[in-house]
Each structure stands twice: as C-alpha cells, then as structure tokens.
Protein backbone atom coordinates (compact mmCIF):
# COMPACT_ATOMS: atom_id res chain seq x y z
CA MET A 1 0.26 -0.02 -0.09
CA ALA A 2 1.03 3.52 0.23
CA GLU A 3 4.76 4.23 1.16
CA HIS A 4 6.50 7.91 1.96
CA GLU A 5 8.15 8.63 -1.50
CA SER A 6 11.49 9.14 0.22
CA THR A 7 11.19 5.79 2.08
CA PRO A 8 13.57 3.29 0.07
CA ALA A 9 11.67 -0.14 -0.75
CA GLY A 10 11.82 -2.36 2.37
CA GLU A 11 13.38 0.53 4.87
CA TYR A 12 11.44 2.01 7.41
CA ASP A 13 11.41 3.98 10.73
CA VAL A 14 9.18 1.46 12.55
CA ALA A 15 8.08 -2.01 11.63
CA VAL A 16 5.06 -3.10 13.65
CA VAL A 17 4.48 -6.96 13.67
CA GLY A 18 0.74 -7.89 14.51
CA GLY A 19 -2.24 -6.68 12.53
CA GLY A 20 -4.92 -6.87 15.67
CA ALA A 21 -6.07 -3.77 17.35
CA THR A 22 -2.91 -2.92 19.29
CA GLY A 23 -0.66 -3.21 16.05
CA CYS A 24 -2.84 -1.43 13.90
CA ALA A 25 -3.16 1.64 16.31
CA THR A 26 0.38 1.34 16.71
CA ALA A 27 1.02 1.76 13.21
CA TYR A 28 -1.54 4.80 13.07
CA TYR A 29 -0.23 6.83 15.85
CA ALA A 30 3.56 6.38 14.60
CA ALA A 31 2.62 7.34 11.07
CA LYS A 32 0.56 10.30 12.34
CA ARG A 33 3.70 11.72 13.83
CA GLY A 34 5.52 11.60 10.65
CA ALA A 35 7.19 7.95 10.98
CA ARG A 36 7.92 5.67 7.93
CA VAL A 37 5.75 2.73 9.07
CA VAL A 38 5.28 -0.70 7.76
CA LEU A 39 2.51 -3.18 9.45
CA LEU A 40 3.04 -6.83 8.86
CA ASP A 41 0.42 -9.74 9.51
CA ARG A 42 1.15 -13.28 8.93
CA GLN A 43 -2.29 -13.27 8.02
CA ASP A 44 -5.36 -10.71 7.05
CA LEU A 45 -5.67 -7.75 9.52
CA ASN A 46 -8.00 -8.41 12.74
CA THR A 47 -8.64 -12.06 12.15
CA GLU A 48 -7.45 -13.21 15.39
CA ALA A 49 -8.42 -12.12 18.96
CA SER A 50 -8.96 -8.42 17.87
CA GLY A 51 -11.95 -9.50 15.65
CA ARG A 52 -13.30 -12.64 17.28
CA ASN A 53 -14.11 -10.72 20.52
CA ALA A 54 -17.64 -9.51 21.51
CA GLY A 55 -16.78 -5.70 21.72
CA SER A 56 -16.76 -5.34 25.30
CA LEU A 57 -15.10 -2.34 26.99
CA HIS A 58 -14.14 -3.14 30.20
CA GLY A 59 -13.32 -0.56 33.05
CA GLN A 60 -13.77 -2.55 35.97
CA ILE A 61 -11.68 -5.05 38.20
CA GLN A 62 -13.26 -8.30 36.73
CA HIS A 63 -15.17 -10.54 39.57
CA GLU A 64 -13.94 -13.90 38.94
CA PRO A 65 -10.18 -12.94 39.29
CA PHE A 66 -11.15 -10.64 42.16
CA LEU A 67 -12.80 -13.57 43.87
CA HIS A 68 -10.07 -16.49 43.07
CA LEU A 69 -6.98 -14.34 43.38
CA GLY A 70 -7.82 -11.97 46.27
CA GLU A 71 -7.73 -8.58 47.12
CA GLU A 72 -3.52 -8.24 47.23
CA TRP A 73 -3.80 -9.51 43.59
CA ALA A 74 -6.26 -6.80 42.92
CA ARG A 75 -4.15 -4.19 44.45
CA SER A 76 -1.22 -5.03 42.33
CA TRP A 77 -3.44 -5.07 39.05
CA LEU A 78 -4.82 -1.46 39.49
CA PRO A 79 -1.94 -0.03 37.34
CA ALA A 80 -3.66 -2.11 34.58
CA LEU A 81 -6.87 -1.00 35.53
CA ASP A 82 -5.65 2.51 35.23
CA LEU A 83 -4.46 1.81 31.62
CA LEU A 84 -7.94 0.60 30.68
CA ARG A 85 -8.94 3.89 32.33
CA GLY A 86 -7.05 6.24 30.13
CA SER A 87 -7.81 3.97 26.98
CA LEU A 88 -11.40 4.25 27.44
CA GLU A 89 -11.09 7.97 27.30
CA LEU A 90 -9.22 7.85 24.01
CA TRP A 91 -12.26 5.52 22.83
CA ASP A 92 -14.61 8.79 23.45
CA GLY A 93 -13.19 10.56 20.37
CA LEU A 94 -11.86 7.83 18.28
CA SER A 95 -14.74 7.72 15.75
CA ALA A 96 -14.36 11.13 14.90
CA GLU A 97 -10.38 11.05 14.83
CA LEU A 98 -10.73 7.87 12.80
CA GLY A 99 -13.47 9.11 10.40
CA VAL A 100 -15.63 5.93 11.14
CA ASP A 101 -18.46 4.98 13.51
CA LEU A 102 -16.80 2.32 15.59
CA GLU A 103 -20.27 2.20 17.48
CA VAL A 104 -18.98 2.87 20.84
CA LYS A 105 -21.52 3.26 23.44
CA LYS A 106 -20.60 3.59 26.95
CA LYS A 107 -23.88 3.20 29.28
CA GLY A 108 -21.76 1.60 32.02
CA GLY A 109 -21.00 -1.64 33.31
CA LEU A 110 -23.53 -3.57 35.53
CA LEU A 111 -22.62 -6.18 37.79
CA VAL A 112 -25.73 -7.99 39.51
CA ALA A 113 -25.87 -10.23 42.12
CA ASP A 114 -28.75 -12.67 43.13
CA HIS A 115 -27.58 -13.48 46.67
CA PRO A 116 -26.72 -10.83 49.49
CA ASP A 117 -23.62 -12.54 50.55
CA GLN A 118 -22.35 -11.53 46.91
CA LEU A 119 -22.78 -7.94 47.86
CA ALA A 120 -19.90 -7.81 50.38
CA ASP A 121 -17.30 -8.86 47.80
CA ILE A 122 -18.78 -6.41 45.40
CA GLU A 123 -18.44 -3.56 47.87
CA ARG A 124 -14.79 -4.50 48.57
CA LYS A 125 -14.15 -4.44 44.85
CA VAL A 126 -16.08 -1.16 44.15
CA ALA A 127 -13.85 0.46 47.00
CA LEU A 128 -10.34 -0.37 45.08
CA GLU A 129 -11.98 1.02 41.94
CA ARG A 130 -12.86 4.28 43.50
CA SER A 131 -9.26 4.40 45.04
CA ILE A 132 -7.95 5.06 41.58
CA GLY A 133 -10.58 7.65 40.59
CA ILE A 134 -13.20 5.03 38.86
CA GLU A 135 -16.83 6.26 40.20
CA SER A 136 -18.22 2.94 40.34
CA ARG A 137 -21.00 2.58 43.02
CA MET A 138 -23.35 0.03 44.79
CA LEU A 139 -26.85 -0.51 43.79
CA THR A 140 -29.70 -1.45 45.62
CA ARG A 141 -32.13 -4.00 44.46
CA ASP A 142 -34.73 -1.58 42.98
CA GLU A 143 -31.99 0.52 41.50
CA VAL A 144 -30.55 -2.40 39.43
CA HIS A 145 -34.06 -3.11 38.52
CA ALA A 146 -34.82 0.66 37.41
CA LEU A 147 -31.88 0.41 35.13
CA ALA A 148 -32.26 -3.32 34.10
CA PRO A 149 -36.15 -4.16 34.00
CA TRP A 150 -35.14 -7.39 32.14
CA ALA A 151 -33.27 -8.48 35.35
CA SER A 152 -34.46 -11.68 37.06
CA ASP A 153 -36.53 -10.89 40.24
CA ALA A 154 -34.08 -12.97 42.13
CA ILE A 155 -31.27 -9.92 41.65
CA VAL A 156 -30.76 -8.39 45.13
CA GLY A 157 -28.25 -5.56 43.84
CA GLY A 158 -24.92 -4.75 42.67
CA GLU A 159 -22.48 -2.37 40.99
CA LEU A 160 -22.42 0.46 38.39
CA CYS A 161 -19.22 1.10 36.73
CA PRO A 162 -20.02 4.17 34.60
CA ILE A 163 -16.88 3.87 32.25
CA GLU A 164 -17.96 0.88 30.60
CA GLY A 165 -19.68 -0.16 27.43
CA LYS A 166 -19.09 -1.53 23.71
CA ALA A 167 -17.72 -1.15 20.32
CA ASN A 168 -17.79 -3.20 17.18
CA PRO A 169 -14.56 -5.17 16.91
CA LEU A 170 -15.00 -5.89 13.17
CA VAL A 171 -14.39 -2.06 12.21
CA THR A 172 -11.86 -1.10 14.84
CA GLY A 173 -8.60 -2.55 14.08
CA PRO A 174 -9.13 -1.89 10.11
CA SER A 175 -9.58 1.46 11.11
CA PHE A 176 -6.86 2.15 12.45
CA ALA A 177 -4.87 0.22 9.85
CA ARG A 178 -6.51 2.69 6.89
CA ALA A 179 -6.11 5.82 8.97
CA ALA A 180 -2.32 4.79 9.06
CA VAL A 181 -2.18 4.33 5.19
CA ARG A 182 -3.51 7.74 5.04
CA HIS A 183 -0.58 9.05 6.95
CA GLY A 184 1.72 7.14 4.34
CA ALA A 185 2.19 3.70 6.51
CA ALA A 186 2.63 0.45 4.43
CA VAL A 187 0.43 -2.64 5.29
CA ARG A 188 1.45 -5.95 4.22
CA GLY A 189 -0.98 -8.85 5.11
CA GLY A 190 0.01 -12.40 4.47
CA VAL A 191 3.68 -11.57 5.45
CA GLY A 192 5.10 -13.84 8.23
CA VAL A 193 8.01 -12.61 10.17
CA GLN A 194 10.60 -15.69 10.69
CA ALA A 195 13.33 -13.74 12.52
CA ILE A 196 14.23 -10.28 13.78
CA THR A 197 18.03 -9.79 13.37
CA PRO A 198 20.28 -6.58 14.73
CA ASP A 199 21.59 -4.54 11.77
CA GLY A 200 23.81 -1.45 12.33
CA GLY A 201 21.77 0.03 14.85
CA GLY A 202 18.44 -1.39 13.41
CA TYR A 203 16.91 -4.79 12.60
CA VAL A 204 16.11 -6.76 9.74
CA LEU A 205 13.03 -8.68 9.61
CA THR A 206 13.50 -11.94 7.73
CA THR A 207 9.80 -12.48 6.42
CA THR A 208 7.83 -14.78 4.01
CA ASP A 209 8.05 -12.06 1.67
CA GLY A 210 11.51 -10.96 1.60
CA ASP A 211 13.72 -8.80 4.03
CA VAL A 212 12.47 -5.51 5.77
CA ARG A 213 14.77 -3.30 7.54
CA ALA A 214 13.67 -0.81 10.32
CA ARG A 215 15.17 1.35 13.02
CA LYS A 216 12.74 0.19 15.56
CA VAL A 217 10.55 -2.89 15.88
CA VAL A 218 7.32 -3.20 17.68
CA VAL A 219 6.08 -6.95 18.05
CA ALA A 220 2.08 -6.69 19.21
CA THR A 221 1.48 -10.32 18.16
CA GLY A 222 -0.60 -11.80 21.06
CA ASP A 223 -0.89 -15.60 20.04
CA ALA A 224 2.63 -15.72 18.81
CA MET A 225 4.36 -13.30 21.44
CA ARG A 226 5.90 -16.54 23.47
CA GLU A 227 7.58 -17.81 20.23
CA PHE A 228 8.98 -14.37 19.54
CA GLY A 229 10.28 -14.21 23.20
CA ARG A 230 11.91 -17.42 22.68
CA ARG A 231 13.86 -16.59 19.58
CA LEU A 232 14.96 -13.25 21.22
CA GLY A 233 16.12 -15.12 24.45
CA VAL A 234 13.50 -13.59 26.68
CA ASN A 235 10.67 -15.47 28.51
CA LEU A 236 7.04 -14.20 27.85
CA PRO A 237 4.79 -16.30 29.33
CA VAL A 238 1.95 -15.36 27.02
CA THR A 239 -0.87 -18.25 27.10
CA SER A 240 -3.44 -18.57 24.44
CA GLU A 241 -6.99 -18.55 26.13
CA ALA A 242 -9.83 -19.99 23.55
CA VAL A 243 -13.31 -19.09 24.55
CA GLN A 244 -16.53 -18.80 22.96
CA VAL A 245 -19.20 -16.34 22.25
CA SER A 246 -23.06 -16.72 21.29
CA VAL A 247 -25.44 -14.10 19.26
CA THR A 248 -29.00 -14.32 19.22
CA GLU A 249 -31.59 -13.05 16.52
CA ARG A 250 -32.28 -9.35 16.68
CA VAL A 251 -34.86 -8.33 19.40
CA GLU A 252 -35.99 -5.08 20.51
CA PRO A 253 -33.89 -2.42 22.39
CA LEU A 254 -33.52 -4.22 25.77
CA VAL A 255 -30.22 -4.06 27.15
CA GLU A 256 -28.46 -0.79 27.60
CA HIS A 257 -25.43 -1.96 29.84
CA LEU A 258 -22.47 -4.46 29.50
CA VAL A 259 -23.89 -6.87 32.03
CA TYR A 260 -21.73 -9.26 34.54
CA TYR A 261 -22.93 -11.86 36.89
CA ALA A 262 -21.44 -12.11 40.45
CA GLY A 263 -22.32 -15.92 40.65
CA GLY A 264 -20.53 -17.26 37.55
CA LYS A 265 -18.95 -16.19 34.22
CA LEU A 266 -21.30 -14.03 31.88
CA THR A 267 -20.91 -11.10 29.88
CA PHE A 268 -24.21 -9.98 28.24
CA LYS A 269 -24.82 -6.93 26.11
CA GLN A 270 -26.98 -6.01 22.85
CA SER A 271 -25.26 -4.67 19.79
CA SER A 272 -26.46 -2.00 17.77
CA THR A 273 -28.17 -4.06 15.27
CA GLY A 274 -30.40 -5.51 17.92
CA THR A 275 -28.66 -8.97 18.72
CA LEU A 276 -27.85 -9.94 22.17
CA LEU A 277 -24.00 -11.14 22.63
CA ILE A 278 -23.59 -13.78 25.48
CA GLY A 279 -20.03 -14.78 26.71
CA GLY A 280 -18.21 -14.62 29.61
CA GLY A 281 -14.68 -16.18 29.27
CA TRP A 282 -16.32 -19.88 28.58
CA PRO A 283 -13.42 -22.20 27.30
CA ALA A 284 -13.82 -23.81 23.84
CA ARG A 285 -12.34 -27.50 22.96
CA ARG A 286 -9.96 -28.93 20.34
CA ASP A 287 -11.31 -31.17 17.74
CA GLU A 288 -9.57 -34.44 16.95
CA ASN A 289 -7.70 -32.46 14.32
CA GLY A 290 -6.51 -30.02 17.32
CA ALA A 291 -8.55 -27.14 15.83
CA TRP A 292 -10.36 -25.09 18.55
CA VAL A 293 -14.06 -25.63 18.09
CA MET A 294 -17.26 -24.93 20.03
CA ASN A 295 -17.71 -26.70 23.48
CA PRO A 296 -21.42 -27.72 23.98
CA ASP A 297 -20.85 -28.12 27.83
CA SER A 298 -19.62 -24.38 27.97
CA LEU A 299 -22.28 -23.46 25.85
CA ARG A 300 -25.19 -24.90 28.08
CA GLU A 301 -23.80 -23.50 31.03
CA ASN A 302 -22.91 -19.94 29.50
CA LEU A 303 -26.81 -19.78 28.48
CA ARG A 304 -28.28 -21.45 31.80
CA ILE A 305 -26.09 -18.50 33.50
CA ALA A 306 -27.94 -16.11 30.92
CA VAL A 307 -31.35 -17.15 31.59
CA ARG A 308 -30.95 -17.20 35.47
CA VAL A 309 -30.23 -13.48 35.28
CA ALA A 310 -32.33 -12.42 32.40
CA PRO A 311 -35.10 -14.78 31.79
CA VAL A 312 -35.97 -13.09 28.78
CA VAL A 313 -33.12 -14.60 27.01
CA GLY A 314 -34.90 -18.10 27.19
CA GLY A 315 -37.28 -17.12 24.68
CA VAL A 316 -34.88 -15.65 22.20
CA LYS A 317 -33.34 -17.70 19.13
CA LEU A 318 -29.55 -18.59 19.19
CA LEU A 319 -28.16 -17.95 15.87
CA ARG A 320 -24.42 -18.84 16.25
CA THR A 321 -21.78 -19.70 18.35
CA TRP A 322 -17.57 -18.64 17.48
CA VAL A 323 -14.39 -19.36 19.03
CA GLY A 324 -12.02 -16.46 19.49
CA VAL A 325 -8.18 -17.14 21.01
CA GLY A 326 -7.36 -14.72 23.32
CA ASN A 327 -4.23 -14.53 25.47
CA GLY A 328 -3.50 -14.54 28.95
CA THR A 329 -0.38 -13.69 31.27
CA PRO A 330 0.31 -15.26 34.91
CA ASP A 331 -0.32 -11.70 36.97
CA GLN A 332 -3.10 -10.63 34.20
CA ARG A 333 -0.96 -7.60 33.67
CA PRO A 334 0.06 -6.15 30.27
CA VAL A 335 3.67 -6.96 28.76
CA LEU A 336 4.83 -3.56 27.63
CA GLY A 337 8.18 -1.89 27.10
CA GLU A 338 11.52 -2.61 25.53
CA LEU A 339 13.52 -5.95 25.75
CA PRO A 340 16.80 -5.84 27.32
CA HIS A 341 19.76 -6.45 25.25
CA HIS A 342 17.72 -5.49 22.24
CA PRO A 343 17.63 -1.49 22.19
CA GLY A 344 14.59 -0.47 19.81
CA LEU A 345 12.88 -3.52 20.08
CA PHE A 346 9.34 -3.34 22.11
CA VAL A 347 6.60 -5.81 22.82
CA GLY A 348 3.08 -4.78 23.77
CA ILE A 349 0.14 -7.07 24.79
CA TYR A 350 -2.72 -6.70 27.14
CA PRO A 351 -4.25 -9.87 28.19
CA TYR A 352 -8.04 -10.65 28.25
CA MET A 353 -8.95 -7.25 27.65
CA GLY A 354 -6.88 -6.17 24.67
CA PHE A 355 -9.40 -4.66 22.67
CA THR A 356 -10.19 -2.21 25.22
CA ALA A 357 -6.88 -1.39 25.87
CA SER A 358 -5.83 -0.84 22.46
CA PRO A 359 -6.23 2.53 21.69
CA LEU A 360 -3.70 3.49 24.64
CA MET A 361 -1.34 0.26 23.83
CA GLY A 362 -0.85 1.69 20.64
CA ARG A 363 -0.30 5.14 21.37
CA THR A 364 2.38 3.98 24.22
CA LEU A 365 4.05 1.65 21.58
CA ALA A 366 4.07 4.39 19.21
CA GLU A 367 5.71 6.85 21.50
CA LEU A 368 8.32 4.43 22.93
CA ALA A 369 9.45 3.50 19.17
CA LEU A 370 9.72 7.41 18.36
CA GLY A 371 11.79 8.07 21.47
CA GLU A 372 9.24 9.78 23.23
CA THR A 373 8.50 9.23 27.02
CA PRO A 374 5.24 8.07 27.40
CA ALA A 375 3.17 9.57 30.40
CA LEU A 376 2.05 5.97 31.73
CA ASP A 377 4.13 4.27 34.22
CA LEU A 378 5.49 1.20 32.77
CA ALA A 379 7.27 -0.38 35.48
CA PRO A 380 4.34 -2.56 36.44
CA PHE A 381 4.48 -4.03 32.68
CA ASP A 382 7.90 -4.71 32.40
CA PRO A 383 8.62 -7.54 30.19
CA MET A 384 11.48 -8.81 32.26
CA ARG A 385 9.47 -9.51 35.40
CA PHE A 386 8.93 -13.29 34.39
CA ALA A 387 12.68 -13.69 33.72
CA ASP A 388 13.44 -15.88 36.91
CA ALA A 389 10.41 -18.18 35.78
CA ALA A 390 12.26 -19.07 32.65
C-alpha cells in the first residue's frame, strides 16, 4: 500500500509486527507523527483475538479473578486497570478521529448479584476501583431493576461502573490501519516474520516475502508473543485462551449496559443491530485435528446462567456460537516495554481485555518507538518481570 516517497523499498523507521487492534493502532499513531511505518501480519488484519471478541469495553476489576486471586492481587492489578481507564478516554473521540463510526456506546457496566453474600465482595471491589478515581457505585435491588427491567426478580443488588460499554471489533482494527495508510504507512498482510536480527543500529526482519529493515520494531502479536520471546532469548509467558461467544436473533432494544454476574461467568450486552451477545470467558475445546471448536458443555452452562440473570433470554433464538483465541499472562497485567539487550525493540500485549486497551497500548508503543517518554508508568508492565520463571 502507500509508502513515503522518500522511503527506500523495505526500509522504515518503525516496523510493527501484528495486525490486531493494538498493532494497527501502533502503526496509526506512529505514522501520524510522521514516521515511516510498515505493518506486517502473517494473515489478514484483525483475524484473531481483536476481530473475534464480543466488543466489550471493560473498566472495572473483573469479579471472577477478584474472588479467586484475592484482594492483594487486585491491588497489584490497579495499574493495569488505570491503563484501561486511560484507553477508555481515548475511545470517546476515536470515531471522529478515524472518520468511522466504531459504534462506541458507554452506558456503563452492570455487575448483578442474586445472593446477599455476594454484595460484600462487590463492595470491597468497588472500594478499590474508587481508590484510583473510577466512580463505581453500589446499587440496591430497586436501582438495579430501574436500570435493567429485564433482570430476574432474584437480583438483590449490584454495581454500576459508569465508564464501561461496547464497540464494534470488526471495524476498529481495520479503521486504525486505513488511517495509518492515509498517513503514509505500508500495510502488508500474509507476510510472516521468521526472524528479527540486529543490523547496524536497527533490525532486519526476515519475512516470508523478503527482508524488511527498520530502525525500531514493535511486536504486538498476541498469540505468537511467546515464540517471539523465545527467539529473542526472553521469557514472555503469554498463553492462548480459547473462549466462545454466542449471538442471538435481533430483538427490540432491551439491554443498555455491559452486564456481568457475581455468581458465575457471564458477559451480556446488546449490539447496535439488536442482537444479544452472550459470553463470559467460557472455554472452547479442540477437535480431533487439534483445531479450536465450540464446546457444547460451555455453551449450555453459559446460556443457563444468562437465563438465570435475564429470563427473557430463554425465549430468544440463538443464531451462532464462535471461538476466539485470546491471550493471558500469569499476573493478568500487560507486557509493555523495551526488551533488554535489544535496544529499539518493543513488545506490547494486554491480556484478556486487549480490545479495550488497544488505543492506549498503540499510542504508548508508538511513543516508545519514536523515542518519546509516555505519560504511562510502565514499571508494572516490565517484560522482564517473568525472567526468573524461565
């Protein structure tokens, strides 16, 4: 695609590896600042986690890890939550900036409880969120039902996190990429990166379509991050997390919020077209050929919980269930920064909620690659924090 006229073929200021939302955002922010940028992806853009998630925009401590990993973990995770908050602020103006309707709607996130014992845990979580300036608040039973008249009569209260919402994951990454091209970036799909080798103050990327030279390199590959780390001699324990999401037929406007349930794994929201999107991190399974496919046990349990929280779902037709391979890290914090012994080579991945984080992750990676100092404190996201576990 488009390249700066002054850029010799295959030579760039910044090479971005990975065409998901974070990689596309990195290419955009770097090109917008005048850098000569190439974006490389082994497949087409937006074909993995960034294009297969349900479009949730998260801005609260997720309840399941809060319960299972504890309050001490949650405190250590607050810098990652603050990153999400900063990224959510960027989402507000992103449609206008990119010139595309990304279908961003931020009506808030609603965590509902159907047992009084769940409320004390939610209250502790809300206190942590408020400690960094997120104005989450507890809701009474009547307040929940006023916001969500579709909710089960068993719901006894919950939490409202006002900064959460949804956007269209099929549009976001490609819109960043097209905007990058408008600023002179080159985008090359179907180009796998086989090696990254230091070369005279920069790097040579050996690809399936010839060599690419760049002064700086950003690796934002998600699922392939562990393998890139191994090649570079760095332990990056990024795991693959295959989960499934279901979509229903269109129904009349019903659900305004991003909905969670304190008693089990559930995310529940309504798209701009009227379909209901039902997920929550339920695992897929592998078939006899090793491919990820829908897990019927997960589907049944996911739908059982959805009907428990919103009985109206029981009368709606399910159209499709699909699998997306997301990514995780052991502490659920991002990996973001420069690799030691590889000056000018940066890595970036936000686990589980990378779609939400992608605008700020991309802007920060672009700033790093261009020698700028990000406002974000990157110490909690140091790629080398896992070195002793190698």
